[in-house]
């Protein structure tokens, strides 16, 4: 026989107070949220940049002993693209918390904040990634080797880092501050 114990329903009393927090607690909570978000963003940025180290080590033997000039150019372009992706991930400012309109990942880069070259560095990296793929495809056709994987990696890292940059946007603290109520005691 199965017996169940039920908790009796308790009607809320007028003296029960909600979990309202005062203005100081709200500000403290918002500050803590900012600090935690900045720490999390920094951690993930460093983790993704560190992820490029094994990938660069994968290309290092072919850079030292390429075998032919086409392979050397391909490895050089691939490594440059991966290094640019890491640079963009770590040093460029993140997109704003809530975009005003639909934006691409590179629209968030302010020319004034990182310099005039920065506006075009993302486009250049995209072109280098495409060149690495096309070069590996040409090398595969010419030599019969299997270089496609080496050509796909820079583009994959570039796209992954652009998506991660969008996901690492800071928390919209301004929106939270607008929602903040101003509790005035009696």
C-alpha atoms as a PDB file:
ATOM      1  CA  UNK A   1       0.000   0.000   0.000  1.00  0.00           C
ATOM      2  CA  UNK A   2       1.357   3.345  -1.022  1.00  0.00           C
ATOM      3  CA  UNK A   3       0.868   6.236   1.340  1.00  0.00           C
ATOM      4  CA  UNK A   4       1.628   9.821   0.580  1.00  0.00           C
ATOM      5  CA  UNK A   5       2.150  12.713   2.855  1.00  0.00           C
ATOM      6  CA  UNK A   6       0.975  16.046   1.663  1.00  0.00           C
ATOM      7  CA  UNK A   7       1.990  19.394   2.890  1.00  0.00           C
ATOM      8  CA  UNK A   8      -1.008  21.458   3.845  1.00  0.00           C
ATOM      9  CA  UNK A   9      -1.619  24.522   1.722  1.00  0.00           C
ATOM     10  CA  UNK A  10      -0.843  27.693   3.558  1.00  0.00           C
ATOM     11  CA  UNK A  11      -2.567  30.896   2.582  1.00  0.00           C
ATOM     12  CA  UNK A  12      -0.250  33.873   2.356  1.00  0.00           C
ATOM     13  CA  UNK A  13      -0.522  36.242   5.229  1.00  0.00           C
ATOM     14  CA  UNK A  14      -0.526  39.964   4.927  1.00  0.00           C
ATOM     15  CA  UNK A  15       2.538  40.198   7.108  1.00  0.00           C
ATOM     16  CA  UNK A  16       4.573  38.053   4.687  1.00  0.00           C
ATOM     17  CA  UNK A  17       6.911  40.294   2.789  1.00  0.00           C
ATOM     18  CA  UNK A  18       8.257  39.603  -0.658  1.00  0.00           C
ATOM     19  CA  UNK A  19      11.870  39.294  -1.587  1.00  0.00           C
ATOM     20  CA  UNK A  20      12.150  42.966  -2.448  1.00  0.00           C
ATOM     21  CA  UNK A  21      15.621  44.402  -2.289  1.00  0.00           C
ATOM     22  CA  UNK A  22      16.467  47.990  -1.662  1.00  0.00           C
ATOM     23  CA  UNK A  23      18.394  50.303  -3.952  1.00  0.00           C
ATOM     24  CA  UNK A  24      21.794  49.606  -2.370  1.00  0.00           C
ATOM     25  CA  UNK A  25      21.324  45.866  -2.765  1.00  0.00           C
ATOM     26  CA  UNK A  26      20.269  46.388  -6.374  1.00  0.00           C
ATOM     27  CA  UNK A  27      23.398  48.414  -7.107  1.00  0.00           C
ATOM     28  CA  UNK A  28      25.557  45.822  -5.346  1.00  0.00           C
ATOM     29  CA  UNK A  29      23.936  43.035  -7.355  1.00  0.00           C
ATOM     30  CA  UNK A  30      24.471  44.919 -10.627  1.00  0.00           C
ATOM     31  CA  UNK A  31      28.133  45.592  -9.734  1.00  0.00           C
ATOM     32  CA  UNK A  32      28.662  41.914  -8.893  1.00  0.00           C
ATOM     33  CA  UNK A  33      27.018  40.943 -12.171  1.00  0.00           C
ATOM     34  CA  UNK A  34      29.353  43.264 -14.090  1.00  0.00           C
ATOM     35  CA  UNK A  35      32.435  41.868 -12.352  1.00  0.00           C
ATOM     36  CA  UNK A  36      31.386  38.238 -12.845  1.00  0.00           C
ATOM     37  CA  UNK A  37      30.554  38.874 -16.493  1.00  0.00           C
ATOM     38  CA  UNK A  38      33.898  40.590 -17.128  1.00  0.00           C
ATOM     39  CA  UNK A  39      35.769  37.727 -15.444  1.00  0.00           C
ATOM     40  CA  UNK A  40      33.837  35.122 -17.424  1.00  0.00           C
ATOM     41  CA  UNK A  41      34.435  36.968 -20.681  1.00  0.00           C
ATOM     42  CA  UNK A  42      38.152  37.263 -19.950  1.00  0.00           C
ATOM     43  CA  UNK A  43      38.384  33.570 -19.067  1.00  0.00           C
ATOM     44  CA  UNK A  44      36.639  32.430 -22.242  1.00  0.00           C
ATOM     45  CA  UNK A  45      38.640  34.832 -24.411  1.00  0.00           C
ATOM     46  CA  UNK A  46      41.903  33.473 -23.007  1.00  0.00           C
ATOM     47  CA  UNK A  47      40.689  29.881 -23.344  1.00  0.00           C
ATOM     48  CA  UNK A  48      39.803  30.308 -27.002  1.00  0.00           C
ATOM     49  CA  UNK A  49      43.068  32.098 -27.741  1.00  0.00           C
ATOM     50  CA  UNK A  50      44.962  29.281 -25.992  1.00  0.00           C
ATOM     51  CA  UNK A  51      43.078  26.827 -28.187  1.00  0.00           C
ATOM     52  CA  UNK A  52      45.041  28.133 -31.169  1.00  0.00           C
ATOM     53  CA  UNK A  53      48.398  26.992 -29.746  1.00  0.00           C
ATOM     54  CA  UNK A  54      47.949  23.266 -30.539  1.00  0.00           C
ATOM     55  CA  UNK A  55      46.603  24.198 -33.960  1.00  0.00           C
ATOM     56  CA  UNK A  56      49.685  26.300 -34.676  1.00  0.00           C
ATOM     57  CA  UNK A  57      51.865  23.421 -33.485  1.00  0.00           C
ATOM     58  CA  UNK A  58      50.047  21.221 -36.005  1.00  0.00           C
ATOM     59  CA  UNK A  59      51.305  23.506 -38.802  1.00  0.00           C
ATOM     60  CA  UNK A  60      54.850  23.982 -37.413  1.00  0.00           C
ATOM     61  CA  UNK A  61      56.506  20.884 -38.958  1.00  0.00           C
ATOM     62  CA  UNK A  62      55.248  21.836 -42.414  1.00  0.00           C
ATOM     63  CA  UNK A  63      56.581  25.358 -41.934  1.00  0.00           C
ATOM     64  CA  UNK A  64      60.060  24.068 -41.084  1.00  0.00           C
ATOM     65  CA  UNK A  65      60.187  21.351 -43.790  1.00  0.00           C
ATOM     66  CA  UNK A  66      57.502  22.249 -46.336  1.00  0.00           C
ATOM     67  CA  UNK A  67      58.604  20.020 -49.199  1.00  0.00           C
ATOM     68  CA  UNK A  68      57.636  22.551 -51.885  1.00  0.00           C
ATOM     69  CA  UNK A  69      56.873  26.256 -52.148  1.00  0.00           C
ATOM     70  CA  UNK A  70      53.114  25.725 -52.536  1.00  0.00           C
ATOM     71  CA  UNK A  71      52.975  23.913 -49.200  1.00  0.00           C
ATOM     72  CA  UNK A  72      55.108  26.628 -47.567  1.00  0.00           C
ATOM     73  CA  UNK A  73      52.799  29.405 -48.811  1.00  0.00           C
ATOM     74  CA  UNK A  74      49.748  27.448 -47.700  1.00  0.00           C
ATOM     75  CA  UNK A  75      51.116  26.882 -44.182  1.00  0.00           C
ATOM     76  CA  UNK A  76      52.198  30.518 -43.896  1.00  0.00           C
ATOM     77  CA  UNK A  77      48.757  31.810 -44.939  1.00  0.00           C
ATOM     78  CA  UNK A  78      47.014  29.370 -42.584  1.00  0.00           C
ATOM     79  CA  UNK A  79      49.163  30.322 -39.603  1.00  0.00           C
ATOM     80  CA  UNK A  80      48.696  34.043 -40.308  1.00  0.00           C
ATOM     81  CA  UNK A  81      44.929  33.577 -40.426  1.00  0.00           C
ATOM     82  CA  UNK A  82      44.887  31.647 -37.150  1.00  0.00           C
ATOM     83  CA  UNK A  83      47.077  34.260 -35.452  1.00  0.00           C
ATOM     84  CA  UNK A  84      44.828  37.055 -36.753  1.00  0.00           C
ATOM     85  CA  UNK A  85      41.764  35.256 -35.401  1.00  0.00           C
ATOM     86  CA  UNK A  86      43.423  35.006 -31.989  1.00  0.00           C
ATOM     87  CA  UNK A  87      44.406  38.687 -32.117  1.00  0.00           C
ATOM     88  CA  UNK A  88      40.861  39.752 -33.019  1.00  0.00           C
ATOM     89  CA  UNK A  89      39.402  37.531 -30.304  1.00  0.00           C
ATOM     90  CA  UNK A  90      41.601  38.863 -27.541  1.00  0.00           C
ATOM     91  CA  UNK A  91      42.334  42.501 -28.358  1.00  0.00           C
ATOM     92  CA  UNK A  92      39.289  43.818 -30.209  1.00  0.00           C
ATOM     93  CA  UNK A  93      36.389  45.157 -28.146  1.00  0.00           C
ATOM     94  CA  UNK A  94      33.313  42.972 -27.987  1.00  0.00           C
ATOM     95  CA  UNK A  95      30.029  43.947 -29.675  1.00  0.00           C
ATOM     96  CA  UNK A  96      27.581  46.047 -27.649  1.00  0.00           C
ATOM     97  CA  UNK A  97      25.225  44.146 -25.317  1.00  0.00           C
ATOM     98  CA  UNK A  98      22.063  44.830 -27.274  1.00  0.00           C
ATOM     99  CA  UNK A  99      22.545  45.798 -30.896  1.00  0.00           C
ATOM    100  CA  UNK A 100      20.365  48.615 -32.217  1.00  0.00           C
ATOM    101  CA  UNK A 101      19.813  46.723 -35.440  1.00  0.00           C
ATOM    102  CA  UNK A 102      20.970  43.456 -36.941  1.00  0.00           C
ATOM    103  CA  UNK A 103      24.749  43.558 -36.999  1.00  0.00           C
ATOM    104  CA  UNK A 104      27.480  41.342 -38.292  1.00  0.00           C
ATOM    105  CA  UNK A 105      30.340  40.462 -35.932  1.00  0.00           C
ATOM    106  CA  UNK A 106      32.679  42.936 -37.594  1.00  0.00           C
ATOM    107  CA  UNK A 107      30.243  45.878 -37.448  1.00  0.00           C
ATOM    108  CA  UNK A 108      30.930  46.202 -33.732  1.00  0.00           C
ATOM    109  CA  UNK A 109      34.571  47.119 -34.231  1.00  0.00           C
ATOM    110  CA  UNK A 110      35.025  50.808 -33.579  1.00  0.00           C
ATOM    111  CA  UNK A 111      37.664  52.439 -35.769  1.00  0.00           C
ATOM    112  CA  UNK A 112      38.523  55.011 -33.117  1.00  0.00           C
ATOM    113  CA  UNK A 113      39.014  52.467 -30.347  1.00  0.00           C
ATOM    114  CA  UNK A 114      41.455  50.094 -32.072  1.00  0.00           C
ATOM    115  CA  UNK A 115      42.841  51.995 -35.050  1.00  0.00           C
ATOM    116  CA  UNK A 116      42.018  52.316 -38.745  1.00  0.00           C
ATOM    117  CA  UNK A 117      43.537  48.967 -39.749  1.00  0.00           C
ATOM    118  CA  UNK A 118      41.267  47.133 -37.329  1.00  0.00           C
ATOM    119  CA  UNK A 119      38.155  47.837 -39.403  1.00  0.00           C
ATOM    120  CA  UNK A 120      39.612  45.841 -42.291  1.00  0.00           C
ATOM    121  CA  UNK A 121      41.524  43.203 -40.329  1.00  0.00           C
ATOM    122  CA  UNK A 122      38.419  41.026 -40.009  1.00  0.00           C
ATOM    123  CA  UNK A 123      37.799  41.186 -43.764  1.00  0.00           C
ATOM    124  CA  UNK A 124      41.480  40.449 -44.421  1.00  0.00           C
ATOM    125  CA  UNK A 125      41.316  37.452 -42.106  1.00  0.00           C
ATOM    126  CA  UNK A 126      38.244  36.158 -43.914  1.00  0.00           C
ATOM    127  CA  UNK A 127      40.064  36.477 -47.237  1.00  0.00           C
ATOM    128  CA  UNK A 128      43.150  34.719 -45.830  1.00  0.00           C
ATOM    129  CA  UNK A 129      40.959  31.876 -44.588  1.00  0.00           C
ATOM    130  CA  UNK A 130      39.431  31.550 -48.034  1.00  0.00           C
ATOM    131  CA  UNK A 131      42.884  31.681 -49.650  1.00  0.00           C
ATOM    132  CA  UNK A 132      44.115  28.929 -47.309  1.00  0.00           C
ATOM    133  CA  UNK A 133      41.209  26.730 -48.357  1.00  0.00           C
ATOM    134  CA  UNK A 134      41.672  27.425 -52.071  1.00  0.00           C
ATOM    135  CA  UNK A 135      45.424  26.906 -51.804  1.00  0.00           C
ATOM    136  CA  UNK A 136      44.937  23.551 -50.042  1.00  0.00           C
ATOM    137  CA  UNK A 137      42.394  22.531 -52.661  1.00  0.00           C
ATOM    138  CA  UNK A 138      44.856  23.433 -55.445  1.00  0.00           C
ATOM    139  CA  UNK A 139      47.676  21.574 -53.671  1.00  0.00           C
ATOM    140  CA  UNK A 140      45.473  18.501 -53.339  1.00  0.00           C
ATOM    141  CA  UNK A 141      44.641  18.563 -57.039  1.00  0.00           C
ATOM    142  CA  UNK A 142      48.231  19.217 -58.108  1.00  0.00           C
ATOM    143  CA  UNK A 143      50.118  16.796 -55.863  1.00  0.00           C
ATOM    144  CA  UNK A 144      47.429  14.273 -55.068  1.00  0.00           C
ATOM    145  CA  UNK A 145      47.999  14.737 -51.324  1.00  0.00           C
ATOM    146  CA  UNK A 146      45.294  15.367 -48.798  1.00  0.00           C
ATOM    147  CA  UNK A 147      45.680  18.997 -47.739  1.00  0.00           C
ATOM    148  CA  UNK A 148      41.995  19.924 -47.466  1.00  0.00           C
ATOM    149  CA  UNK A 149      41.905  19.584 -43.668  1.00  0.00           C
ATOM    150  CA  UNK A 150      44.776  22.039 -43.355  1.00  0.00           C
ATOM    151  CA  UNK A 151      42.845  24.487 -45.507  1.00  0.00           C
ATOM    152  CA  UNK A 152      39.580  24.175 -43.592  1.00  0.00           C
ATOM    153  CA  UNK A 153      41.046  24.746 -40.111  1.00  0.00           C
ATOM    154  CA  UNK A 154      41.769  28.517 -40.473  1.00  0.00           C
ATOM    155  CA  UNK A 155      38.262  29.198 -41.777  1.00  0.00           C
ATOM    156  CA  UNK A 156      36.709  27.099 -39.028  1.00  0.00           C
ATOM    157  CA  UNK A 157      38.657  28.961 -36.339  1.00  0.00           C
ATOM    158  CA  UNK A 158      37.779  32.330 -37.897  1.00  0.00           C
ATOM    159  CA  UNK A 159      34.040  31.551 -37.990  1.00  0.00           C
ATOM    160  CA  UNK A 160      34.122  29.993 -34.510  1.00  0.00           C
ATOM    161  CA  UNK A 161      35.824  33.053 -33.027  1.00  0.00           C
ATOM    162  CA  UNK A 162      33.351  35.441 -34.679  1.00  0.00           C
ATOM    163  CA  UNK A 163      30.435  33.455 -33.220  1.00  0.00           C
ATOM    164  CA  UNK A 164      32.087  33.328 -29.797  1.00  0.00           C
ATOM    165  CA  UNK A 165      32.624  37.108 -29.894  1.00  0.00           C
ATOM    166  CA  UNK A 166      28.893  37.584 -30.392  1.00  0.00           C
ATOM    167  CA  UNK A 167      28.092  35.182 -27.537  1.00  0.00           C
ATOM    168  CA  UNK A 168      30.549  36.891 -25.177  1.00  0.00           C
ATOM    169  CA  UNK A 169      28.792  40.237 -25.410  1.00  0.00           C
ATOM    170  CA  UNK A 170      28.621  41.949 -22.041  1.00  0.00           C
ATOM    171  CA  UNK A 171      25.434  41.724 -20.000  1.00  0.00           C
ATOM    172  CA  UNK A 172      23.033  44.594 -20.688  1.00  0.00           C
ATOM    173  CA  UNK A 173      23.552  46.388 -17.383  1.00  0.00           C
ATOM    174  CA  UNK A 174      21.930  49.564 -18.689  1.00  0.00           C
ATOM    175  CA  UNK A 175      18.744  47.585 -19.243  1.00  0.00           C
ATOM    176  CA  UNK A 176      18.951  46.265 -15.692  1.00  0.00           C
ATOM    177  CA  UNK A 177      19.465  49.767 -14.335  1.00  0.00           C
ATOM    178  CA  UNK A 178      16.353  50.951 -16.194  1.00  0.00           C
ATOM    179  CA  UNK A 179      14.379  48.150 -14.528  1.00  0.00           C
ATOM    180  CA  UNK A 180      15.659  49.120 -11.115  1.00  0.00           C
ATOM    181  CA  UNK A 181      12.895  50.349  -8.882  1.00  0.00           C
ATOM    182  CA  UNK A 182      13.455  53.165  -6.467  1.00  0.00           C
ATOM    183  CA  UNK A 183      12.194  51.936  -3.110  1.00  0.00           C
ATOM    184  CA  UNK A 184      11.293  54.744  -0.764  1.00  0.00           C
ATOM    185  CA  UNK A 185      10.709  53.788   2.839  1.00  0.00           C
ATOM    186  CA  UNK A 186       7.665  54.998   4.742  1.00  0.00           C
END
